[in-house]
Amino acid sequence: MQNSVGGFEDALKLQARVVGNIPSDSSAMTQLVSASQSSTGALQAAQAGNQLLALQSRQLSDIQAELAANGRAAELERARQAANEAGAEAQYQHFAQYDAYVPEAVSFPGSGD
């Protein structure tokens, strides 16, 4: 259970970081596009283009990390569920093996039995 919670916590923290980057990324993207469009030389245009590519590369890395964290959290949850099912099956097998339950007739006072 703790592994599952830890995995989900990591995924949520990463998602919060990615979402937190959106305003600054948007601002940086706007500035870089403006710089690219107003560049006076090929070197300035190339530099602005490279900065745009670097920003996109970082955003793709964030998405990749988020997908990995979500996948890890989902796998940890599936593992926890499988362990719970295996434990329940083992308990049932133990219960069934020893005939722990033996039905008996029950009589109530005043029922005539």
PDB file of N, CA and C in Angstrom:
ATOM      1  N   MET A   1       0.825  -1.187   0.000  1.00  0.00           N
ATOM      2  CA  MET A   1       0.000   0.000   0.000  1.00  0.00           C
ATOM      3  C   MET A   1       0.871   1.252   0.000  1.00  0.00           C
ATOM      4  N   GLN A   2       1.937   1.234   0.794  1.00  0.00           N
ATOM      5  CA  GLN A   2       2.817   2.403   0.867  1.00  0.00           C
ATOM      6  C   GLN A   2       3.511   2.650  -0.471  1.00  0.00           C
ATOM      7  N   ASN A   3       3.883   1.568  -1.168  1.00  0.00           N
ATOM      8  CA  ASN A   3       4.500   1.734  -2.490  1.00  0.00           C
ATOM      9  C   ASN A   3       3.520   2.369  -3.466  1.00  0.00           C
ATOM     10  N   SER A   4       2.276   1.936  -3.436  1.00  0.00           N
ATOM     11  CA  SER A   4       1.256   2.506  -4.328  1.00  0.00           C
ATOM     12  C   SER A   4       1.047   3.985  -4.028  1.00  0.00           C
ATOM     13  N   VAL A   5       0.919   4.307  -2.754  1.00  0.00           N
ATOM     14  CA  VAL A   5       0.714   5.703  -2.365  1.00  0.00           C
ATOM     15  C   VAL A   5       1.926   6.535  -2.773  1.00  0.00           C
ATOM     16  N   GLY A   6       3.121   6.003  -2.555  1.00  0.00           N
ATOM     17  CA  GLY A   6       4.347   6.716  -2.948  1.00  0.00           C
ATOM     18  C   GLY A   6       4.414   6.946  -4.446  1.00  0.00           C
ATOM     19  N   GLY A   7       4.018   5.957  -5.219  1.00  0.00           N
ATOM     20  CA  GLY A   7       4.013   6.100  -6.670  1.00  0.00           C
ATOM     21  C   GLY A   7       3.035   7.157  -7.133  1.00  0.00           C
ATOM     22  N   PHE A   8       1.838   7.158  -6.551  1.00  0.00           N
ATOM     23  CA  PHE A   8       0.852   8.173  -6.914  1.00  0.00           C
ATOM     24  C   PHE A   8       1.305   9.563  -6.458  1.00  0.00           C
ATOM     25  N   GLU A   9       1.941   9.626  -5.304  1.00  0.00           N
ATOM     26  CA  GLU A   9       2.437  10.906  -4.797  1.00  0.00           C
ATOM     27  C   GLU A   9       3.504  11.473  -5.740  1.00  0.00           C
ATOM     28  N   ASP A  10       4.420  10.619  -6.184  1.00  0.00           N
ATOM     29  CA  ASP A  10       5.453  11.059  -7.133  1.00  0.00           C
ATOM     30  C   ASP A  10       4.826  11.573  -8.422  1.00  0.00           C
ATOM     31  N   ALA A  11       3.839  10.840  -8.923  1.00  0.00           N
ATOM     32  CA  ALA A  11       3.173  11.245 -10.163  1.00  0.00           C
ATOM     33  C   ALA A  11       2.470  12.589  -9.990  1.00  0.00           C
ATOM     34  N   LEU A  12       1.799  12.781  -8.859  1.00  0.00           N
ATOM     35  CA  LEU A  12       1.103  14.051  -8.626  1.00  0.00           C
ATOM     36  C   LEU A  12       2.075  15.214  -8.492  1.00  0.00           C
ATOM     37  N   LYS A  13       3.194  14.995  -7.813  1.00  0.00           N
ATOM     38  CA  LYS A  13       4.196  16.058  -7.678  1.00  0.00           C
ATOM     39  C   LYS A  13       4.758  16.444  -9.046  1.00  0.00           C
ATOM     40  N   LEU A  14       5.036  15.439  -9.855  1.00  0.00           N
ATOM     41  CA  LEU A  14       5.565  15.703 -11.189  1.00  0.00           C
ATOM     42  C   LEU A  14       4.538  16.440 -12.039  1.00  0.00           C
ATOM     43  N   GLN A  15       3.275  16.018 -11.967  1.00  0.00           N
ATOM     44  CA  GLN A  15       2.218  16.706 -12.713  1.00  0.00           C
ATOM     45  C   GLN A  15       2.089  18.154 -12.259  1.00  0.00           C
ATOM     46  N   ALA A  16       2.195  18.388 -10.965  1.00  0.00           N
ATOM     47  CA  ALA A  16       2.105  19.757 -10.442  1.00  0.00           C
ATOM     48  C   ALA A  16       3.258  20.605 -10.968  1.00  0.00           C
ATOM     49  N   ARG A  17       4.452  20.020 -11.044  1.00  0.00           N
ATOM     50  CA  ARG A  17       5.602  20.754 -11.570  1.00  0.00           C
ATOM     51  C   ARG A  17       5.397  21.101 -13.039  1.00  0.00           C
ATOM     52  N   VAL A  18       4.910  20.130 -13.809  1.00  0.00           N
ATOM     53  CA  VAL A  18       4.686  20.358 -15.238  1.00  0.00           C
ATOM     54  C   VAL A  18       3.632  21.441 -15.440  1.00  0.00           C
ATOM     55  N   VAL A  19       2.546  21.359 -14.696  1.00  0.00           N
ATOM     56  CA  VAL A  19       1.489  22.372 -14.800  1.00  0.00           C
ATOM     57  C   VAL A  19       2.016  23.732 -14.351  1.00  0.00           C
ATOM     58  N   GLY A  20       2.837  23.748 -13.322  1.00  0.00           N
ATOM     59  CA  GLY A  20       3.429  25.000 -12.841  1.00  0.00           C
ATOM     60  C   GLY A  20       4.336  25.661 -13.871  1.00  0.00           C
ATOM     61  N   ASN A  21       4.908  24.861 -14.755  1.00  0.00           N
ATOM     62  CA  ASN A  21       5.798  25.403 -15.791  1.00  0.00           C
ATOM     63  C   ASN A  21       5.028  26.014 -16.960  1.00  0.00           C
ATOM     64  N   ILE A  22       3.753  25.737 -17.081  1.00  0.00           N
ATOM     65  CA  ILE A  22       2.992  26.185 -18.255  1.00  0.00           C
ATOM     66  C   ILE A  22       3.021  27.710 -18.425  1.00  0.00           C
ATOM     67  N   PRO A  23       2.740  28.510 -17.376  1.00  0.00           N
ATOM     68  CA  PRO A  23       2.758  29.961 -17.597  1.00  0.00           C
ATOM     69  C   PRO A  23       4.125  30.492 -18.042  1.00  0.00           C
ATOM     70  N   SER A  24       5.193  30.036 -17.403  1.00  0.00           N
ATOM     71  CA  SER A  24       6.522  30.525 -17.791  1.00  0.00           C
ATOM     72  C   SER A  24       6.914  30.012 -19.173  1.00  0.00           C
ATOM     73  N   ASP A  25       6.517  28.787 -19.504  1.00  0.00           N
ATOM     74  CA  ASP A  25       6.797  28.259 -20.842  1.00  0.00           C
ATOM     75  C   ASP A  25       6.059  29.062 -21.907  1.00  0.00           C
ATOM     76  N   SER A  26       4.824  29.394 -21.610  1.00  0.00           N
ATOM     77  CA  SER A  26       4.031  30.179 -22.563  1.00  0.00           C
ATOM     78  C   SER A  26       4.659  31.551 -22.781  1.00  0.00           C
ATOM     79  N   SER A  27       5.077  32.161 -21.701  1.00  0.00           N
ATOM     80  CA  SER A  27       5.726  33.473 -21.797  1.00  0.00           C
ATOM     81  C   SER A  27       7.034  33.382 -22.573  1.00  0.00           C
ATOM     82  N   ALA A  28       7.827  32.366 -22.256  1.00  0.00           N
ATOM     83  CA  ALA A  28       9.101  32.181 -22.969  1.00  0.00           C
ATOM     84  C   ALA A  28       8.866  31.911 -24.441  1.00  0.00           C
ATOM     85  N   MET A  29       7.848  31.113 -24.742  1.00  0.00           N
ATOM     86  CA  MET A  29       7.534  30.803 -26.136  1.00  0.00           C
ATOM     87  C   MET A  29       7.161  32.083 -26.893  1.00  0.00           C
ATOM     88  N   THR A  30       6.341  32.920 -26.272  1.00  0.00           N
ATOM     89  CA  THR A  30       5.929  34.174 -26.898  1.00  0.00           C
ATOM     90  C   THR A  30       7.143  35.072 -27.159  1.00  0.00           C
ATOM     91  N   GLN A  31       8.020  35.191 -26.170  1.00  0.00           N
ATOM     92  CA  GLN A  31       9.217  36.027 -26.323  1.00  0.00           C
ATOM     93  C   GLN A  31      10.140  35.486 -27.416  1.00  0.00           C
ATOM     94  N   LEU A  32      10.303  34.170 -27.449  1.00  0.00           N
ATOM     95  CA  LEU A  32      11.196  33.579 -28.442  1.00  0.00           C
ATOM     96  C   LEU A  32      10.634  33.718 -29.852  1.00  0.00           C
ATOM     97  N   VAL A  33       9.344  33.525 -29.997  1.00  0.00           N
ATOM     98  CA  VAL A  33       8.727  33.695 -31.317  1.00  0.00           C
ATOM     99  C   VAL A  33       8.870  35.144 -31.768  1.00  0.00           C
ATOM    100  N   SER A  34       8.646  36.067 -30.843  1.00  0.00           N
ATOM    101  CA  SER A  34       8.785  37.491 -31.168  1.00  0.00           C
ATOM    102  C   SER A  34      10.226  37.804 -31.566  1.00  0.00           C
ATOM    103  N   ALA A  35      11.179  37.265 -30.802  1.00  0.00           N
ATOM    104  CA  ALA A  35      12.590  37.499 -31.126  1.00  0.00           C
ATOM    105  C   ALA A  35      12.946  36.906 -32.475  1.00  0.00           C
ATOM    106  N   SER A  36      12.388  35.749 -32.770  1.00  0.00           N
ATOM    107  CA  SER A  36      12.654  35.109 -34.054  1.00  0.00           C
ATOM    108  C   SER A  36      12.088  35.939 -35.199  1.00  0.00           C
ATOM    109  N   GLN A  37      10.870  36.442 -35.023  1.00  0.00           N
ATOM    110  CA  GLN A  37      10.225  37.201 -36.084  1.00  0.00           C
ATOM    111  C   GLN A  37      10.864  38.570 -36.297  1.00  0.00           C
ATOM    112  N   SER A  38      11.413  39.140 -35.231  1.00  0.00           N
ATOM    113  CA  SER A  38      12.004  40.465 -35.365  1.00  0.00           C
ATOM    114  C   SER A  38      13.521  40.421 -35.534  1.00  0.00           C
ATOM    115  N   SER A  39      14.079  39.250 -35.711  1.00  0.00           N
ATOM    116  CA  SER A  39      15.532  39.142 -35.853  1.00  0.00           C
ATOM    117  C   SER A  39      15.974  39.817 -37.147  1.00  0.00           C
ATOM    118  N   THR A  40      17.162  40.420 -37.068  1.00  0.00           N
ATOM    119  CA  THR A  40      17.666  41.163 -38.228  1.00  0.00           C
ATOM    120  C   THR A  40      18.672  40.360 -39.036  1.00  0.00           C
ATOM    121  N   GLY A  41      19.172  39.308 -38.472  1.00  0.00           N
ATOM    122  CA  GLY A  41      20.162  38.531 -39.205  1.00  0.00           C
ATOM    123  C   GLY A  41      19.897  37.048 -39.080  1.00  0.00           C
ATOM    124  N   ALA A  42      20.578  36.293 -39.910  1.00  0.00           N
ATOM    125  CA  ALA A  42      20.407  34.849 -39.908  1.00  0.00           C
ATOM    126  C   ALA A  42      20.848  34.241 -38.580  1.00  0.00           C
ATOM    127  N   LEU A  43      21.894  34.806 -37.983  1.00  0.00           N
ATOM    128  CA  LEU A  43      22.393  34.271 -36.713  1.00  0.00           C
ATOM    129  C   LEU A  43      21.357  34.475 -35.611  1.00  0.00           C
ATOM    130  N   GLN A  44      20.758  35.660 -35.550  1.00  0.00           N
ATOM    131  CA  GLN A  44      19.733  35.911 -34.534  1.00  0.00           C
ATOM    132  C   GLN A  44      18.533  34.988 -34.734  1.00  0.00           C
ATOM    133  N   ALA A  45      18.116  34.794 -35.956  1.00  0.00           N
ATOM    134  CA  ALA A  45      16.989  33.905 -36.246  1.00  0.00           C
ATOM    135  C   ALA A  45      17.321  32.473 -35.855  1.00  0.00           C
ATOM    136  N   ALA A  46      18.545  32.043 -36.167  1.00  0.00           N
ATOM    137  CA  ALA A  46      18.958  30.679 -35.814  1.00  0.00           C
ATOM    138  C   ALA A  46      19.007  30.504 -34.298  1.00  0.00           C
ATOM    139  N   GLN A  47      19.515  31.514 -33.580  1.00  0.00           N
ATOM    140  CA  GLN A  47      19.581  31.424 -32.121  1.00  0.00           C
ATOM    141  C   GLN A  47      18.176  31.350 -31.518  1.00  0.00           C
ATOM    142  N   ALA A  48      17.267  32.176 -32.018  1.00  0.00           N
ATOM    143  CA  ALA A  48      15.889  32.136 -31.513  1.00  0.00           C
ATOM    144  C   ALA A  48      15.254  30.780 -31.815  1.00  0.00           C
ATOM    145  N   GLY A  49      15.517  30.252 -33.007  1.00  0.00           N
ATOM    146  CA  GLY A  49      15.001  28.924 -33.354  1.00  0.00           C
ATOM    147  C   GLY A  49      15.564  27.843 -32.460  1.00  0.00           C
ATOM    148  N   ASN A  50      16.851  27.939 -32.158  1.00  0.00           N
ATOM    149  CA  ASN A  50      17.478  26.954 -31.264  1.00  0.00           C
ATOM    150  C   ASN A  50      16.894  27.036 -29.861  1.00  0.00           C
ATOM    151  N   GLN A  51      16.591  28.244 -29.393  1.00  0.00           N
ATOM    152  CA  GLN A  51      15.995  28.401 -28.074  1.00  0.00           C
ATOM    153  C   GLN A  51      14.579  27.818 -28.048  1.00  0.00           C
ATOM    154  N   LEU A  52      13.849  28.010 -29.125  1.00  0.00           N
ATOM    155  CA  LEU A  52      12.517  27.399 -29.221  1.00  0.00           C
ATOM    156  C   LEU A  52      12.621  25.879 -29.174  1.00  0.00           C
ATOM    157  N   LEU A  53      13.575  25.332 -29.890  1.00  0.00           N
ATOM    158  CA  LEU A  53      13.765  23.873 -29.896  1.00  0.00           C
ATOM    159  C   LEU A  53      14.172  23.370 -28.512  1.00  0.00           C
ATOM    160  N   ALA A  54      15.017  24.135 -27.825  1.00  0.00           N
ATOM    161  CA  ALA A  54      15.432  23.740 -26.474  1.00  0.00           C
ATOM    162  C   ALA A  54      14.238  23.737 -25.525  1.00  0.00           C
ATOM    163  N   LEU A  55      13.373  24.736 -25.641  1.00  0.00           N
ATOM    164  CA  LEU A  55      12.177  24.801 -24.795  1.00  0.00           C
ATOM    165  C   LEU A  55      11.262  23.615 -25.090  1.00  0.00           C
ATOM    166  N   GLN A  56      11.049  23.322 -26.350  1.00  0.00           N
ATOM    167  CA  GLN A  56      10.210  22.185 -26.718  1.00  0.00           C
ATOM    168  C   GLN A  56      10.826  20.870 -26.237  1.00  0.00           C
ATOM    169  N   SER A  57      12.132  20.776 -26.310  1.00  0.00           N
ATOM    170  CA  SER A  57      12.811  19.563 -25.843  1.00  0.00           C
ATOM    171  C   SER A  57      12.591  19.369 -24.343  1.00  0.00           C
ATOM    172  N   ARG A  58      12.681  20.449 -23.578  1.00  0.00           N
ATOM    173  CA  ARG A  58      12.450  20.346 -22.135  1.00  0.00           C
ATOM    174  C   ARG A  58      11.010  19.955 -21.853  1.00  0.00           C
ATOM    175  N   GLN A  59      10.072  20.516 -22.624  1.00  0.00           N
ATOM    176  CA  GLN A  59       8.663  20.170 -22.433  1.00  0.00           C
ATOM    177  C   GLN A  59       8.426  18.694 -22.748  1.00  0.00           C
ATOM    178  N   LEU A  60       9.061  18.198 -23.788  1.00  0.00           N
ATOM    179  CA  LEU A  60       8.926  16.773 -24.111  1.00  0.00           C
ATOM    180  C   LEU A  60       9.523  15.897 -23.010  1.00  0.00           C
ATOM    181  N   SER A  61      10.618  16.342 -22.431  1.00  0.00           N
ATOM    182  CA  SER A  61      11.216  15.587 -21.322  1.00  0.00           C
ATOM    183  C   SER A  61      10.276  15.553 -20.126  1.00  0.00           C
ATOM    184  N   ASP A  62       9.606  16.688 -19.856  1.00  0.00           N
ATOM    185  CA  ASP A  62       8.630  16.730 -18.759  1.00  0.00           C
ATOM    186  C   ASP A  62       7.494  15.743 -19.012  1.00  0.00           C
ATOM    187  N   ILE A  63       7.012  15.721 -20.242  1.00  0.00           N
ATOM    188  CA  ILE A  63       5.914  14.808 -20.581  1.00  0.00           C
ATOM    189  C   ILE A  63       6.366  13.357 -20.442  1.00  0.00           C
ATOM    190  N   GLN A  64       7.575  13.070 -20.902  1.00  0.00           N
ATOM    191  CA  GLN A  64       8.102  11.705 -20.802  1.00  0.00           C
ATOM    192  C   GLN A  64       8.225  11.295 -19.338  1.00  0.00           C
ATOM    193  N   ALA A  65       8.719  12.188 -18.489  1.00  0.00           N
ATOM    194  CA  ALA A  65       8.859  11.878 -17.060  1.00  0.00           C
ATOM    195  C   ALA A  65       7.489  11.675 -16.421  1.00  0.00           C
ATOM    196  N   GLU A  66       6.515  12.493 -16.826  1.00  0.00           N
ATOM    197  CA  GLU A  66       5.165  12.352 -16.279  1.00  0.00           C
ATOM    198  C   GLU A  66       4.545  11.020 -16.679  1.00  0.00           C
ATOM    199  N   LEU A  67       4.705  10.641 -17.934  1.00  0.00           N
ATOM    200  CA  LEU A  67       4.175   9.349 -18.387  1.00  0.00           C
ATOM    201  C   LEU A  67       4.833   8.195 -17.631  1.00  0.00           C
ATOM    202  N   ALA A  68       6.136   8.298 -17.423  1.00  0.00           N
ATOM    203  CA  ALA A  68       6.839   7.236 -16.689  1.00  0.00           C
ATOM    204  C   ALA A  68       6.346   7.157 -15.247  1.00  0.00           C
ATOM    205  N   ALA A  69       6.154   8.307 -14.599  1.00  0.00           N
ATOM    206  CA  ALA A  69       5.675   8.312 -13.213  1.00  0.00           C
ATOM    207  C   ALA A  69       4.253   7.756 -13.124  1.00  0.00           C
ATOM    208  N   ASN A  70       3.404   8.131 -14.064  1.00  0.00           N
ATOM    209  CA  ASN A  70       2.036   7.595 -14.067  1.00  0.00           C
ATOM    210  C   ASN A  70       2.044   6.089 -14.300  1.00  0.00           C
ATOM    211  N   GLY A  71       2.887   5.628 -15.212  1.00  0.00           N
ATOM    212  CA  GLY A  71       2.994   4.191 -15.462  1.00  0.00           C
ATOM    213  C   GLY A  71       3.477   3.439 -14.235  1.00  0.00           C
ATOM    214  N   ARG A  72       4.457   4.012 -13.551  1.00  0.00           N
ATOM    215  CA  ARG A  72       4.981   3.387 -12.332  1.00  0.00           C
ATOM    216  C   ARG A  72       3.890   3.307 -11.271  1.00  0.00           C
ATOM    217  N   ALA A  73       3.147   4.389 -11.093  1.00  0.00           N
ATOM    218  CA  ALA A  73       2.074   4.397 -10.093  1.00  0.00           C
ATOM    219  C   ALA A  73       1.015   3.351 -10.426  1.00  0.00           C
ATOM    220  N   ALA A  74       0.663   3.248 -11.694  1.00  0.00           N
ATOM    221  CA  ALA A  74      -0.346   2.263 -12.103  1.00  0.00           C
ATOM    222  C   ALA A  74       0.155   0.842 -11.877  1.00  0.00           C
ATOM    223  N   GLU A  75       1.418   0.584 -12.194  1.00  0.00           N
ATOM    224  CA  GLU A  75       1.978  -0.761 -11.988  1.00  0.00           C
ATOM    225  C   GLU A  75       2.060  -1.110 -10.512  1.00  0.00           C
ATOM    226  N   LEU A  76       2.431  -0.145  -9.674  1.00  0.00           N
ATOM    227  CA  LEU A  76       2.470  -0.400  -8.235  1.00  0.00           C
ATOM    228  C   LEU A  76       1.077  -0.725  -7.699  1.00  0.00           C
ATOM    229  N   GLU A  77       0.070  -0.029  -8.208  1.00  0.00           N
ATOM    230  CA  GLU A  77      -1.303  -0.299  -7.780  1.00  0.00           C
ATOM    231  C   GLU A  77      -1.739  -1.692  -8.231  1.00  0.00           C
ATOM    232  N   ARG A  78      -1.392  -2.070  -9.462  1.00  0.00           N
ATOM    233  CA  ARG A  78      -1.733  -3.421  -9.941  1.00  0.00           C
ATOM    234  C   ARG A  78      -1.012  -4.489  -9.113  1.00  0.00           C
ATOM    235  N   ALA A  79       0.221  -4.215  -8.754  1.00  0.00           N
ATOM    236  CA  ALA A  79       0.966  -5.175  -7.931  1.00  0.00           C
ATOM    237  C   ALA A  79       0.318  -5.307  -6.549  1.00  0.00           C
ATOM    238  N   ARG A  80      -0.129  -4.189  -5.992  1.00  0.00           N
ATOM    239  CA  ARG A  80      -0.791  -4.231  -4.690  1.00  0.00           C
ATOM    240  C   ARG A  80      -2.088  -5.032  -4.776  1.00  0.00           C
ATOM    241  N   GLN A  81      -2.846  -4.825  -5.830  1.00  0.00           N
ATOM    242  CA  GLN A  81      -4.090  -5.566  -6.005  1.00  0.00           C
ATOM    243  C   GLN A  81      -3.818  -7.060  -6.176  1.00  0.00           C
ATOM    244  N   ALA A  82      -2.786  -7.399  -6.944  1.00  0.00           N
ATOM    245  CA  ALA A  82      -2.444  -8.808  -7.144  1.00  0.00           C
ATOM    246  C   ALA A  82      -2.017  -9.449  -5.825  1.00  0.00           C
ATOM    247  N   ALA A  83      -1.256  -8.715  -5.024  1.00  0.00           N
ATOM    248  CA  ALA A  83      -0.832  -9.246  -3.722  1.00  0.00           C
ATOM    249  C   ALA A  83      -2.037  -9.453  -2.806  1.00  0.00           C
ATOM    250  N   ASN A  84      -2.970  -8.516  -2.830  1.00  0.00           N
ATOM    251  CA  ASN A  84      -4.191  -8.672  -2.015  1.00  0.00           C
ATOM    252  C   ASN A  84      -4.994  -9.883  -2.460  1.00  0.00           C
ATOM    253  N   GLU A  85      -5.110 -10.072  -3.772  1.00  0.00           N
ATOM    254  CA  GLU A  85      -5.850 -11.227  -4.283  1.00  0.00           C
ATOM    255  C   GLU A  85      -5.149 -12.530  -3.916  1.00  0.00           C
ATOM    256  N   ALA A  86      -3.826 -12.549  -4.006  1.00  0.00           N
ATOM    257  CA  ALA A  86      -3.086 -13.758  -3.642  1.00  0.00           C
ATOM    258  C   ALA A  86      -3.237 -14.058  -2.152  1.00  0.00           C
ATOM    259  N   GLY A  87      -3.210 -13.025  -1.331  1.00  0.00           N
ATOM    260  CA  GLY A  87      -3.402 -13.211   0.107  1.00  0.00           C
ATOM    261  C   GLY A  87      -4.796 -13.734   0.424  1.00  0.00           C
ATOM    262  N   ALA A  88      -5.786 -13.191  -0.253  1.00  0.00           N
ATOM    263  CA  ALA A  88      -7.161 -13.651  -0.038  1.00  0.00           C
ATOM    264  C   ALA A  88      -7.314 -15.105  -0.479  1.00  0.00           C
ATOM    265  N   GLU A  89      -6.717 -15.457  -1.599  1.00  0.00           N
ATOM    266  CA  GLU A  89      -6.778 -16.850  -2.078  1.00  0.00           C
ATOM    267  C   GLU A  89      -6.096 -17.786  -1.087  1.00  0.00           C
ATOM    268  N   ALA A  90      -4.955 -17.369  -0.543  1.00  0.00           N
ATOM    269  CA  ALA A  90      -4.259 -18.201   0.441  1.00  0.00           C
ATOM    270  C   ALA A  90      -5.101 -18.387   1.699  1.00  0.00           C
ATOM    271  N   GLN A  91      -5.751 -17.348   2.142  1.00  0.00           N
ATOM    272  CA  GLN A  91      -6.627 -17.460   3.308  1.00  0.00           C
ATOM    273  C   GLN A  91      -7.793 -18.398   3.029  1.00  0.00           C
ATOM    274  N   TYR A  92      -8.359 -18.278   1.843  1.00  0.00           N
ATOM    275  CA  TYR A  92      -9.466 -19.163   1.491  1.00  0.00           C
ATOM    276  C   TYR A  92      -9.004 -20.622   1.458  1.00  0.00           C
ATOM    277  N   GLN A  93      -7.852 -20.870   0.840  1.00  0.00           N
ATOM    278  CA  GLN A  93      -7.338 -22.239   0.760  1.00  0.00           C
ATOM    279  C   GLN A  93      -7.082 -22.804   2.154  1.00  0.00           C
ATOM    280  N   HIS A  94      -6.546 -21.999   3.033  1.00  0.00           N
ATOM    281  CA  HIS A  94      -6.314 -22.443   4.408  1.00  0.00           C
ATOM    282  C   HIS A  94      -7.646 -22.750   5.090  1.00  0.00           C
ATOM    283  N   PHE A  95      -8.603 -21.896   4.917  1.00  0.00           N
ATOM    284  CA  PHE A  95      -9.932 -22.086   5.492  1.00  0.00           C
ATOM    285  C   PHE A  95     -10.572 -23.358   4.951  1.00  0.00           C
ATOM    286  N   ALA A  96     -10.511 -23.544   3.631  1.00  0.00           N
ATOM    287  CA  ALA A  96     -11.146 -24.696   2.991  1.00  0.00           C
ATOM    288  C   ALA A  96     -10.430 -26.001   3.352  1.00  0.00           C
ATOM    289  N   GLN A  97      -9.139 -25.944   3.533  1.00  0.00           N
ATOM    290  CA  GLN A  97      -8.347 -27.148   3.813  1.00  0.00           C
ATOM    291  C   GLN A  97      -8.680 -27.733   5.182  1.00  0.00           C
ATOM    292  N   TYR A  98      -8.954 -26.921   6.145  1.00  0.00           N
ATOM    293  CA  TYR A  98      -9.155 -27.401   7.497  1.00  0.00           C
ATOM    294  C   TYR A  98     -10.622 -27.502   7.882  1.00  0.00           C
ATOM    295  N   ASP A  99     -11.521 -27.357   6.952  1.00  0.00           N
ATOM    296  CA  ASP A  99     -12.946 -27.426   7.265  1.00  0.00           C
ATOM    297  C   ASP A  99     -13.264 -26.654   8.544  1.00  0.00           C
ATOM    298  N   ALA A 100     -12.854 -25.418   8.539  1.00  0.00           N
ATOM    299  CA  ALA A 100     -13.015 -24.588   9.734  1.00  0.00           C
ATOM    300  C   ALA A 100     -14.479 -24.326  10.055  1.00  0.00           C
ATOM    301  N   TYR A 101     -15.335 -24.446   9.081  1.00  0.00           N
ATOM    302  CA  TYR A 101     -16.749 -24.176   9.333  1.00  0.00           C
ATOM    303  C   TYR A 101     -17.520 -25.482   9.304  1.00  0.00           C
ATOM    304  N   VAL A 102     -18.213 -25.761  10.384  1.00  0.00           N
ATOM    305  CA  VAL A 102     -19.067 -26.952  10.464  1.00  0.00           C
ATOM    306  C   VAL A 102     -20.462 -26.466  10.849  1.00  0.00           C
ATOM    307  N   PRO A 103     -21.413 -26.608   9.940  1.00  0.00           N
ATOM    308  CA  PRO A 103     -22.765 -26.128  10.261  1.00  0.00           C
ATOM    309  C   PRO A 103     -23.396 -27.005  11.338  1.00  0.00           C
ATOM    310  N   GLU A 104     -24.134 -26.382  12.198  1.00  0.00           N
ATOM    311  CA  GLU A 104     -24.840 -27.099  13.252  1.00  0.00           C
ATOM    312  C   GLU A 104     -26.289 -26.627  13.274  1.00  0.00           C
ATOM    313  N   ALA A 105     -27.162 -27.516  13.721  1.00  0.00           N
ATOM    314  CA  ALA A 105     -28.569 -27.139  13.857  1.00  0.00           C
ATOM    315  C   ALA A 105     -28.702 -26.174  15.022  1.00  0.00           C
ATOM    316  N   VAL A 106     -29.525 -25.200  14.852  1.00  0.00           N
ATOM    317  CA  VAL A 106     -29.739 -24.201  15.889  1.00  0.00           C
ATOM    318  C   VAL A 106     -31.197 -24.279  16.325  1.00  0.00           C
ATOM    319  N   SER A 107     -31.400 -24.330  17.625  1.00  0.00           N
ATOM    320  CA  SER A 107     -32.787 -24.337  18.125  1.00  0.00           C
ATOM    321  C   SER A 107     -33.012 -23.064  18.916  1.00  0.00           C
ATOM    322  N   PHE A 108     -34.189 -22.542  18.758  1.00  0.00           N
ATOM    323  CA  PHE A 108     -34.571 -21.325  19.467  1.00  0.00           C
ATOM    324  C   PHE A 108     -35.553 -21.693  20.573  1.00  0.00           C
ATOM    325  N   PRO A 109     -35.461 -21.038  21.671  1.00  0.00           N
ATOM    326  CA  PRO A 109     -36.439 -21.309  22.739  1.00  0.00           C
ATOM    327  C   PRO A 109     -37.862 -21.051  22.269  1.00  0.00           C
ATOM    328  N   GLY A 110     -38.734 -21.987  22.542  1.00  0.00           N
ATOM    329  CA  GLY A 110     -40.133 -21.843  22.176  1.00  0.00           C
ATOM    330  C   GLY A 110     -40.435 -22.292  20.773  1.00  0.00           C
ATOM    331  N   SER A 111     -39.436 -22.840  20.055  1.00  0.00           N
ATOM    332  CA  SER A 111     -39.693 -23.269  18.676  1.00  0.00           C
ATOM    333  C   SER A 111     -40.172 -24.715  18.614  1.00  0.00           C
ATOM    334  N   GLY A 112     -40.154 -25.414  19.730  1.00  0.00           N
ATOM    335  CA  GLY A 112     -40.644 -26.772  19.785  1.00  0.00           C
ATOM    336  C   GLY A 112     -39.631 -27.800  19.429  1.00  0.00           C
ATOM    337  N   ASP A 113     -38.402 -27.454  19.183  1.00  0.00           N
ATOM    338  CA  ASP A 113     -37.357 -28.454  18.858  1.00  0.00           C
ATOM    339  C   ASP A 113     -36.617 -28.903  20.061  1.00  0.00           C
TER     340      ASP A 113
END
